[in-house]
C-alpha cells in the first residue's frame, strides 16, 4: 500500500479507488494519476478508465519522480491543494502528473530553455493549475516576484551545483516543514569521478542543509542518479 496526501495505491489483483484518490497502482505494478484533462495525453502515456474516471499511466522510464515511486518512495507530499515549485520543468512530463495530483493547487514550472518552455505553455493552456516560468533555477530571485511560499519543491536540473540550487530555492520559497523531492544526476556534476563517489559527496552536502527522510538510486529506470525526499 502506497500512501500520499489524499491518494493511495492498492496492491493485489484489482484497482481500488477511495475518496479523491488521484494516485493508484494496478495489479501489474503500474502507477496512474487521475487525468485532470480527460481524453488528453501529454507524452503518449496510456490511459485507463475505472468506473468512468480516467487515469494516466506514470511511466517511470520518462519521469524520475515516477521512478522514485517505483523504487519505494515512502511518501509523496502532494495533495489536492498543494502549491509546488518545479525546477527543471522541461516540456512538462512529470509536472503534468504533479498537476493531476493537485487539481486545486498550483504547479510553478521553472524552465531555462525558451524552445522547451513553448511546450510547457501549450500544456498550461488546458491545465490551469500549471504556471510556466522562463527562468534560471540557479537565480531564484529572478522569479521571486511570480510566486510566494510553496509546500513542495521538485527539482530535476542537470547542473553541477544541484545541491546549491535546491538550498537557495528552499530558503527563498519553501514553507516551514515543507518538502523537497530532489533528483541528483552524478554525470552533470563530474564526468571523471565514479557516480558512487559523486553521489556520496552530494549526500554529505545535503545532510548539512536538510533532513534526509529517504534516498534511493533510480536503477533500472535511470543510471547514475540518486533521488531524495528532504525536509527543512
C-alpha atoms as a PDB file:
ATOM      1  CA  UNK A   1       0.000   0.000   0.000  1.00  0.00           C
ATOM      2  CA  UNK A   2       1.460   3.323  -1.093  1.00  0.00           C
ATOM      3  CA  UNK A   3       0.263   6.457   0.675  1.00  0.00           C
ATOM      4  CA  UNK A   4       0.279  10.046  -0.451  1.00  0.00           C
ATOM      5  CA  UNK A   5      -1.626  13.107   0.696  1.00  0.00           C
ATOM      6  CA  UNK A   6      -5.195  12.435  -0.364  1.00  0.00           C
ATOM      7  CA  UNK A   7      -4.470   9.393  -2.528  1.00  0.00           C
ATOM      8  CA  UNK A   8      -3.300   5.811  -2.338  1.00  0.00           C
ATOM      9  CA  UNK A   9      -2.366   2.827  -4.411  1.00  0.00           C
ATOM     10  CA  UNK A  10      -3.778  -0.570  -3.694  1.00  0.00           C
ATOM     11  CA  UNK A  11      -1.845  -3.769  -4.153  1.00  0.00           C
ATOM     12  CA  UNK A  12      -3.402  -7.045  -5.087  1.00  0.00           C
ATOM     13  CA  UNK A  13      -5.286  -8.189  -8.137  1.00  0.00           C
ATOM     14  CA  UNK A  14      -7.545  -5.213  -8.740  1.00  0.00           C
ATOM     15  CA  UNK A  15      -7.651  -1.447  -8.554  1.00  0.00           C
ATOM     16  CA  UNK A  16      -9.274   0.315  -5.623  1.00  0.00           C
ATOM     17  CA  UNK A  17     -10.339   3.953  -5.619  1.00  0.00           C
ATOM     18  CA  UNK A  18     -11.064   5.759  -2.394  1.00  0.00           C
ATOM     19  CA  UNK A  19     -12.150   9.342  -1.713  1.00  0.00           C
ATOM     20  CA  UNK A  20     -10.273  11.713  -4.047  1.00  0.00           C
ATOM     21  CA  UNK A  21      -7.513   9.211  -4.815  1.00  0.00           C
ATOM     22  CA  UNK A  22      -5.525  10.622  -7.712  1.00  0.00           C
ATOM     23  CA  UNK A  23      -2.779   8.052  -7.479  1.00  0.00           C
ATOM     24  CA  UNK A  24      -3.221   4.316  -7.661  1.00  0.00           C
ATOM     25  CA  UNK A  25      -1.494   1.121  -8.626  1.00  0.00           C
ATOM     26  CA  UNK A  26      -2.735  -1.684 -10.826  1.00  0.00           C
ATOM     27  CA  UNK A  27      -2.144  -5.321 -10.005  1.00  0.00           C
ATOM     28  CA  UNK A  28       0.692  -5.291 -12.551  1.00  0.00           C
ATOM     29  CA  UNK A  29       2.527  -2.617 -10.563  1.00  0.00           C
ATOM     30  CA  UNK A  30       1.751   0.335 -12.819  1.00  0.00           C
ATOM     31  CA  UNK A  31       1.143   3.754 -11.231  1.00  0.00           C
ATOM     32  CA  UNK A  32      -1.539   6.124 -12.513  1.00  0.00           C
ATOM     33  CA  UNK A  33      -2.747   9.653 -11.789  1.00  0.00           C
ATOM     34  CA  UNK A  34      -6.306  10.805 -12.311  1.00  0.00           C
ATOM     35  CA  UNK A  35      -6.348  12.797 -15.527  1.00  0.00           C
ATOM     36  CA  UNK A  36      -7.070  16.483 -14.959  1.00  0.00           C
ATOM     37  CA  UNK A  37      -7.845  16.844 -18.690  1.00  0.00           C
ATOM     38  CA  UNK A  38      -9.782  13.701 -19.671  1.00  0.00           C
ATOM     39  CA  UNK A  39      -9.109  12.427 -23.154  1.00  0.00           C
ATOM     40  CA  UNK A  40      -5.755  14.211 -23.393  1.00  0.00           C
ATOM     41  CA  UNK A  41      -2.300  12.661 -23.107  1.00  0.00           C
ATOM     42  CA  UNK A  42       0.958  14.560 -22.552  1.00  0.00           C
ATOM     43  CA  UNK A  43       3.668  12.128 -23.715  1.00  0.00           C
ATOM     44  CA  UNK A  44       1.688   9.299 -25.338  1.00  0.00           C
ATOM     45  CA  UNK A  45       1.183   7.644 -21.962  1.00  0.00           C
ATOM     46  CA  UNK A  46      -1.513   5.020 -21.612  1.00  0.00           C
ATOM     47  CA  UNK A  47      -4.981   5.955 -20.395  1.00  0.00           C
ATOM     48  CA  UNK A  48      -7.079   3.719 -18.160  1.00  0.00           C
ATOM     49  CA  UNK A  49     -10.747   4.005 -17.242  1.00  0.00           C
ATOM     50  CA  UNK A  50     -12.037   2.952 -13.839  1.00  0.00           C
ATOM     51  CA  UNK A  51     -15.780   3.341 -13.279  1.00  0.00           C
ATOM     52  CA  UNK A  52     -15.957   6.304 -15.607  1.00  0.00           C
ATOM     53  CA  UNK A  53     -12.862   8.071 -14.251  1.00  0.00           C
ATOM     54  CA  UNK A  54      -9.813   8.358 -16.493  1.00  0.00           C
ATOM     55  CA  UNK A  55      -6.269   7.803 -15.256  1.00  0.00           C
ATOM     56  CA  UNK A  56      -2.892   8.359 -16.931  1.00  0.00           C
ATOM     57  CA  UNK A  57      -0.020   5.890 -16.635  1.00  0.00           C
ATOM     58  CA  UNK A  58       3.001   7.413 -14.872  1.00  0.00           C
ATOM     59  CA  UNK A  59       5.897   5.991 -16.878  1.00  0.00           C
ATOM     60  CA  UNK A  60       8.967   5.534 -14.619  1.00  0.00           C
ATOM     61  CA  UNK A  61      11.232   5.490 -17.677  1.00  0.00           C
ATOM     62  CA  UNK A  62      10.152   9.043 -18.521  1.00  0.00           C
ATOM     63  CA  UNK A  63       9.971  10.546 -15.030  1.00  0.00           C
ATOM     64  CA  UNK A  64      12.499  10.480 -12.203  1.00  0.00           C
ATOM     65  CA  UNK A  65       9.755  11.084  -9.645  1.00  0.00           C
ATOM     66  CA  UNK A  66       7.830   8.216 -11.186  1.00  0.00           C
ATOM     67  CA  UNK A  67      10.961   6.060 -10.940  1.00  0.00           C
ATOM     68  CA  UNK A  68      11.365   7.013  -7.276  1.00  0.00           C
ATOM     69  CA  UNK A  69       7.797   5.879  -6.571  1.00  0.00           C
ATOM     70  CA  UNK A  70       8.508   2.519  -8.195  1.00  0.00           C
ATOM     71  CA  UNK A  71      11.724   2.249  -6.142  1.00  0.00           C
ATOM     72  CA  UNK A  72       9.975   2.686  -2.818  1.00  0.00           C
ATOM     73  CA  UNK A  73       9.436   6.403  -2.139  1.00  0.00           C
ATOM     74  CA  UNK A  74       7.588   6.124   1.191  1.00  0.00           C
ATOM     75  CA  UNK A  75       5.629   9.365   0.994  1.00  0.00           C
ATOM     76  CA  UNK A  76       4.544  11.646  -1.796  1.00  0.00           C
ATOM     77  CA  UNK A  77       3.688  15.010  -0.174  1.00  0.00           C
ATOM     78  CA  UNK A  78       1.327  16.133  -2.931  1.00  0.00           C
ATOM     79  CA  UNK A  79      -2.331  16.694  -2.099  1.00  0.00           C
ATOM     80  CA  UNK A  80      -5.283  18.315  -3.874  1.00  0.00           C
ATOM     81  CA  UNK A  81      -4.349  21.868  -2.770  1.00  0.00           C
ATOM     82  CA  UNK A  82      -0.551  21.594  -2.709  1.00  0.00           C
ATOM     83  CA  UNK A  83       1.495  24.511  -4.024  1.00  0.00           C
ATOM     84  CA  UNK A  84       4.572  23.136  -5.827  1.00  0.00           C
ATOM     85  CA  UNK A  85       7.647  24.761  -7.325  1.00  0.00           C
ATOM     86  CA  UNK A  86       9.015  22.526 -10.068  1.00  0.00           C
ATOM     87  CA  UNK A  87      12.613  23.298 -11.079  1.00  0.00           C
ATOM     88  CA  UNK A  88      13.570  21.893 -14.465  1.00  0.00           C
ATOM     89  CA  UNK A  89      10.025  21.539 -15.741  1.00  0.00           C
ATOM     90  CA  UNK A  90      11.168  20.869 -19.347  1.00  0.00           C
ATOM     91  CA  UNK A  91       8.208  20.079 -21.623  1.00  0.00           C
ATOM     92  CA  UNK A  92       6.000  19.029 -18.725  1.00  0.00           C
ATOM     93  CA  UNK A  93       6.102  15.232 -18.489  1.00  0.00           C
ATOM     94  CA  UNK A  94       6.397  14.969 -14.699  1.00  0.00           C
ATOM     95  CA  UNK A  95       4.816  18.384 -13.958  1.00  0.00           C
ATOM     96  CA  UNK A  96       1.673  17.121 -15.674  1.00  0.00           C
ATOM     97  CA  UNK A  97       1.380  14.293 -13.117  1.00  0.00           C
ATOM     98  CA  UNK A  98       2.003  16.745 -10.277  1.00  0.00           C
ATOM     99  CA  UNK A  99      -0.763  18.858 -11.826  1.00  0.00           C
ATOM    100  CA  UNK A 100      -3.074  15.820 -11.767  1.00  0.00           C
ATOM    101  CA  UNK A 101      -2.378  15.283  -8.074  1.00  0.00           C
ATOM    102  CA  UNK A 102      -3.045  18.909  -7.069  1.00  0.00           C
ATOM    103  CA  UNK A 103      -6.142  19.943  -9.035  1.00  0.00           C
ATOM    104  CA  UNK A 104      -6.930  22.775  -6.599  1.00  0.00           C
ATOM    105  CA  UNK A 105      -3.303  23.752  -6.031  1.00  0.00           C
ATOM    106  CA  UNK A 106      -0.672  25.246  -8.316  1.00  0.00           C
ATOM    107  CA  UNK A 107       2.462  23.986 -10.035  1.00  0.00           C
ATOM    108  CA  UNK A 108       5.013  26.699 -10.840  1.00  0.00           C
ATOM    109  CA  UNK A 109       7.232  25.204 -13.529  1.00  0.00           C
ATOM    110  CA  UNK A 110      10.623  26.869 -13.975  1.00  0.00           C
ATOM    111  CA  UNK A 111      12.414  26.105 -17.230  1.00  0.00           C
ATOM    112  CA  UNK A 112      15.533  27.760 -18.664  1.00  0.00           C
ATOM    113  CA  UNK A 113      15.271  26.829 -22.356  1.00  0.00           C
ATOM    114  CA  UNK A 114      12.941  29.052 -24.421  1.00  0.00           C
ATOM    115  CA  UNK A 115      12.438  26.364 -27.064  1.00  0.00           C
ATOM    116  CA  UNK A 116      11.317  23.844 -24.452  1.00  0.00           C
ATOM    117  CA  UNK A 117       9.051  26.148 -22.475  1.00  0.00           C
ATOM    118  CA  UNK A 118       6.837  26.589 -25.527  1.00  0.00           C
ATOM    119  CA  UNK A 119       5.625  23.017 -24.969  1.00  0.00           C
ATOM    120  CA  UNK A 120       5.003  23.836 -21.307  1.00  0.00           C
ATOM    121  CA  UNK A 121       2.995  26.922 -22.276  1.00  0.00           C
ATOM    122  CA  UNK A 122       0.881  24.825 -24.614  1.00  0.00           C
ATOM    123  CA  UNK A 123       0.275  22.324 -21.822  1.00  0.00           C
ATOM    124  CA  UNK A 124      -0.756  25.108 -19.430  1.00  0.00           C
ATOM    125  CA  UNK A 125      -3.500  26.244 -21.800  1.00  0.00           C
ATOM    126  CA  UNK A 126      -5.521  23.224 -20.701  1.00  0.00           C
ATOM    127  CA  UNK A 127      -4.019  22.700 -17.256  1.00  0.00           C
ATOM    128  CA  UNK A 128      -4.936  25.911 -15.462  1.00  0.00           C
ATOM    129  CA  UNK A 129      -3.065  24.893 -12.300  1.00  0.00           C
ATOM    130  CA  UNK A 130       0.249  24.905 -14.202  1.00  0.00           C
ATOM    131  CA  UNK A 131       2.159  28.203 -14.421  1.00  0.00           C
ATOM    132  CA  UNK A 132       5.244  28.101 -16.700  1.00  0.00           C
ATOM    133  CA  UNK A 133       8.122  30.417 -15.731  1.00  0.00           C
ATOM    134  CA  UNK A 134      11.016  31.126 -18.069  1.00  0.00           C
ATOM    135  CA  UNK A 135      13.879  31.394 -15.617  1.00  0.00           C
ATOM    136  CA  UNK A 136      17.171  30.094 -14.306  1.00  0.00           C
ATOM    137  CA  UNK A 137      16.809  27.858 -11.237  1.00  0.00           C
ATOM    138  CA  UNK A 138      20.283  28.997 -10.145  1.00  0.00           C
ATOM    139  CA  UNK A 139      18.893  32.506  -9.606  1.00  0.00           C
ATOM    140  CA  UNK A 140      15.653  32.208  -7.607  1.00  0.00           C
ATOM    141  CA  UNK A 141      15.460  35.946  -7.019  1.00  0.00           C
ATOM    142  CA  UNK A 142      14.867  36.423 -10.757  1.00  0.00           C
ATOM    143  CA  UNK A 143      11.406  34.847 -10.449  1.00  0.00           C
ATOM    144  CA  UNK A 144      10.698  35.631  -6.784  1.00  0.00           C
ATOM    145  CA  UNK A 145       8.019  38.143  -7.765  1.00  0.00           C
ATOM    146  CA  UNK A 146       5.975  35.461  -9.528  1.00  0.00           C
ATOM    147  CA  UNK A 147       5.191  33.203  -6.574  1.00  0.00           C
ATOM    148  CA  UNK A 148       5.130  33.080  -2.801  1.00  0.00           C
ATOM    149  CA  UNK A 149       5.905  30.266  -0.384  1.00  0.00           C
ATOM    150  CA  UNK A 150       5.227  26.726  -1.541  1.00  0.00           C
ATOM    151  CA  UNK A 151       4.622  23.393   0.174  1.00  0.00           C
ATOM    152  CA  UNK A 152       6.886  21.292  -2.041  1.00  0.00           C
ATOM    153  CA  UNK A 153       9.852  21.784  -4.345  1.00  0.00           C
ATOM    154  CA  UNK A 154      10.534  19.199  -7.038  1.00  0.00           C
ATOM    155  CA  UNK A 155      13.934  19.546  -8.697  1.00  0.00           C
ATOM    156  CA  UNK A 156      15.354  17.837 -11.768  1.00  0.00           C
ATOM    157  CA  UNK A 157      18.084  20.029 -13.242  1.00  0.00           C
ATOM    158  CA  UNK A 158      21.263  18.888 -14.988  1.00  0.00           C
ATOM    159  CA  UNK A 159      23.691  21.357 -13.407  1.00  0.00           C
ATOM    160  CA  UNK A 160      26.937  20.852 -11.457  1.00  0.00           C
ATOM    161  CA  UNK A 161      25.584  22.821  -8.460  1.00  0.00           C
ATOM    162  CA  UNK A 162      22.383  20.835  -7.934  1.00  0.00           C
ATOM    163  CA  UNK A 163      22.552  20.885  -4.125  1.00  0.00           C
ATOM    164  CA  UNK A 164      23.166  24.628  -4.056  1.00  0.00           C
ATOM    165  CA  UNK A 165      20.192  25.197  -6.354  1.00  0.00           C
ATOM    166  CA  UNK A 166      17.933  23.192  -4.049  1.00  0.00           C
ATOM    167  CA  UNK A 167      19.202  25.023  -0.969  1.00  0.00           C
ATOM    168  CA  UNK A 168      18.764  28.508  -2.453  1.00  0.00           C
ATOM    169  CA  UNK A 169      15.262  27.828  -3.690  1.00  0.00           C
ATOM    170  CA  UNK A 170      14.223  26.177  -0.430  1.00  0.00           C
ATOM    171  CA  UNK A 171      15.497  29.148   1.558  1.00  0.00           C
ATOM    172  CA  UNK A 172      13.571  31.576  -0.643  1.00  0.00           C
ATOM    173  CA  UNK A 173      10.329  29.697  -1.294  1.00  0.00           C
ATOM    174  CA  UNK A 174       9.776  26.636   0.911  1.00  0.00           C
ATOM    175  CA  UNK A 175       7.359  26.870   3.816  1.00  0.00           C
ATOM    176  CA  UNK A 176       8.401  25.644   7.240  1.00  0.00           C
ATOM    177  CA  UNK A 177       8.248  21.835   7.323  1.00  0.00           C
ATOM    178  CA  UNK A 178       7.981  21.775   3.534  1.00  0.00           C
ATOM    179  CA  UNK A 179       9.452  19.010   1.405  1.00  0.00           C
ATOM    180  CA  UNK A 180      11.980  18.805  -1.404  1.00  0.00           C
ATOM    181  CA  UNK A 181      11.857  15.967  -3.922  1.00  0.00           C
ATOM    182  CA  UNK A 182      15.317  16.069  -5.473  1.00  0.00           C
ATOM    183  CA  UNK A 183      16.857  14.089  -8.327  1.00  0.00           C
ATOM    184  CA  UNK A 184      20.660  14.356  -8.434  1.00  0.00           C
ATOM    185  CA  UNK A 185      22.436  13.386 -11.642  1.00  0.00           C
ATOM    186  CA  UNK A 186      26.037  12.408 -10.942  1.00  0.00           C
ATOM    187  CA  UNK A 187      27.289  12.864 -14.515  1.00  0.00           C
ATOM    188  CA  UNK A 188      26.207  16.516 -14.533  1.00  0.00           C
ATOM    189  CA  UNK A 189      28.490  17.105 -11.529  1.00  0.00           C
ATOM    190  CA  UNK A 190      31.571  15.168 -12.621  1.00  0.00           C
ATOM    191  CA  UNK A 191      32.400  13.039 -15.639  1.00  0.00           C
ATOM    192  CA  UNK A 192      35.685  11.803 -14.167  1.00  0.00           C
ATOM    193  CA  UNK A 193      34.757  10.636 -10.653  1.00  0.00           C
ATOM    194  CA  UNK A 194      32.739   7.497 -10.088  1.00  0.00           C
ATOM    195  CA  UNK A 195      28.996   8.023  -9.716  1.00  0.00           C
ATOM    196  CA  UNK A 196      29.172   6.396  -6.268  1.00  0.00           C
ATOM    197  CA  UNK A 197      31.715   8.956  -5.018  1.00  0.00           C
ATOM    198  CA  UNK A 198      29.861  11.890  -6.532  1.00  0.00           C
ATOM    199  CA  UNK A 199      26.555  10.858  -5.000  1.00  0.00           C
ATOM    200  CA  UNK A 200      28.164  10.227  -1.617  1.00  0.00           C
ATOM    201  CA  UNK A 201      29.619  13.739  -1.686  1.00  0.00           C
ATOM    202  CA  UNK A 202      26.240  15.250  -2.588  1.00  0.00           C
ATOM    203  CA  UNK A 203      24.575  13.321   0.225  1.00  0.00           C
ATOM    204  CA  UNK A 204      27.051  14.775   2.724  1.00  0.00           C
ATOM    205  CA  UNK A 205      26.292  18.279   1.465  1.00  0.00           C
ATOM    206  CA  UNK A 206      22.553  17.697   1.751  1.00  0.00           C
ATOM    207  CA  UNK A 207      22.897  16.410   5.309  1.00  0.00           C
ATOM    208  CA  UNK A 208      24.262  19.823   6.310  1.00  0.00           C
ATOM    209  CA  UNK A 209      21.170  21.579   4.954  1.00  0.00           C
ATOM    210  CA  UNK A 210      18.155  19.259   5.114  1.00  0.00           C
ATOM    211  CA  UNK A 211      16.812  16.264   6.969  1.00  0.00           C
ATOM    212  CA  UNK A 212      17.124  13.349   4.555  1.00  0.00           C
ATOM    213  CA  UNK A 213      13.908  11.369   5.016  1.00  0.00           C
ATOM    214  CA  UNK A 214      14.679   8.849   2.273  1.00  0.00           C
ATOM    215  CA  UNK A 215      17.085   8.310  -0.609  1.00  0.00           C
ATOM    216  CA  UNK A 216      17.448   5.743  -3.344  1.00  0.00           C
ATOM    217  CA  UNK A 217      19.272   5.095  -6.600  1.00  0.00           C
ATOM    218  CA  UNK A 218      16.945   5.085  -9.612  1.00  0.00           C
ATOM    219  CA  UNK A 219      18.157   1.978 -11.417  1.00  0.00           C
ATOM    220  CA  UNK A 220      16.847   0.312 -13.533  1.00  0.00           C
ATOM    221  CA  UNK A 221      14.968   3.375 -14.808  1.00  0.00           C
ATOM    222  CA  UNK A 222      17.815   5.922 -14.655  1.00  0.00           C
ATOM    223  CA  UNK A 223      21.546   5.324 -14.256  1.00  0.00           C
ATOM    224  CA  UNK A 224      23.894   7.330 -12.011  1.00  0.00           C
ATOM    225  CA  UNK A 225      21.066   9.172 -10.237  1.00  0.00           C
ATOM    226  CA  UNK A 226      20.068   9.451  -6.598  1.00  0.00           C
ATOM    227  CA  UNK A 227      16.618  10.596  -5.542  1.00  0.00           C
ATOM    228  CA  UNK A 228      15.980  12.238  -2.173  1.00  0.00           C
ATOM    229  CA  UNK A 229      12.973  13.080  -0.048  1.00  0.00           C
ATOM    230  CA  UNK A 230      14.137  16.045   2.052  1.00  0.00           C
ATOM    231  CA  UNK A 231      12.596  18.240   4.717  1.00  0.00           C
ATOM    232  CA  UNK A 232      13.721  21.566   6.127  1.00  0.00           C
END
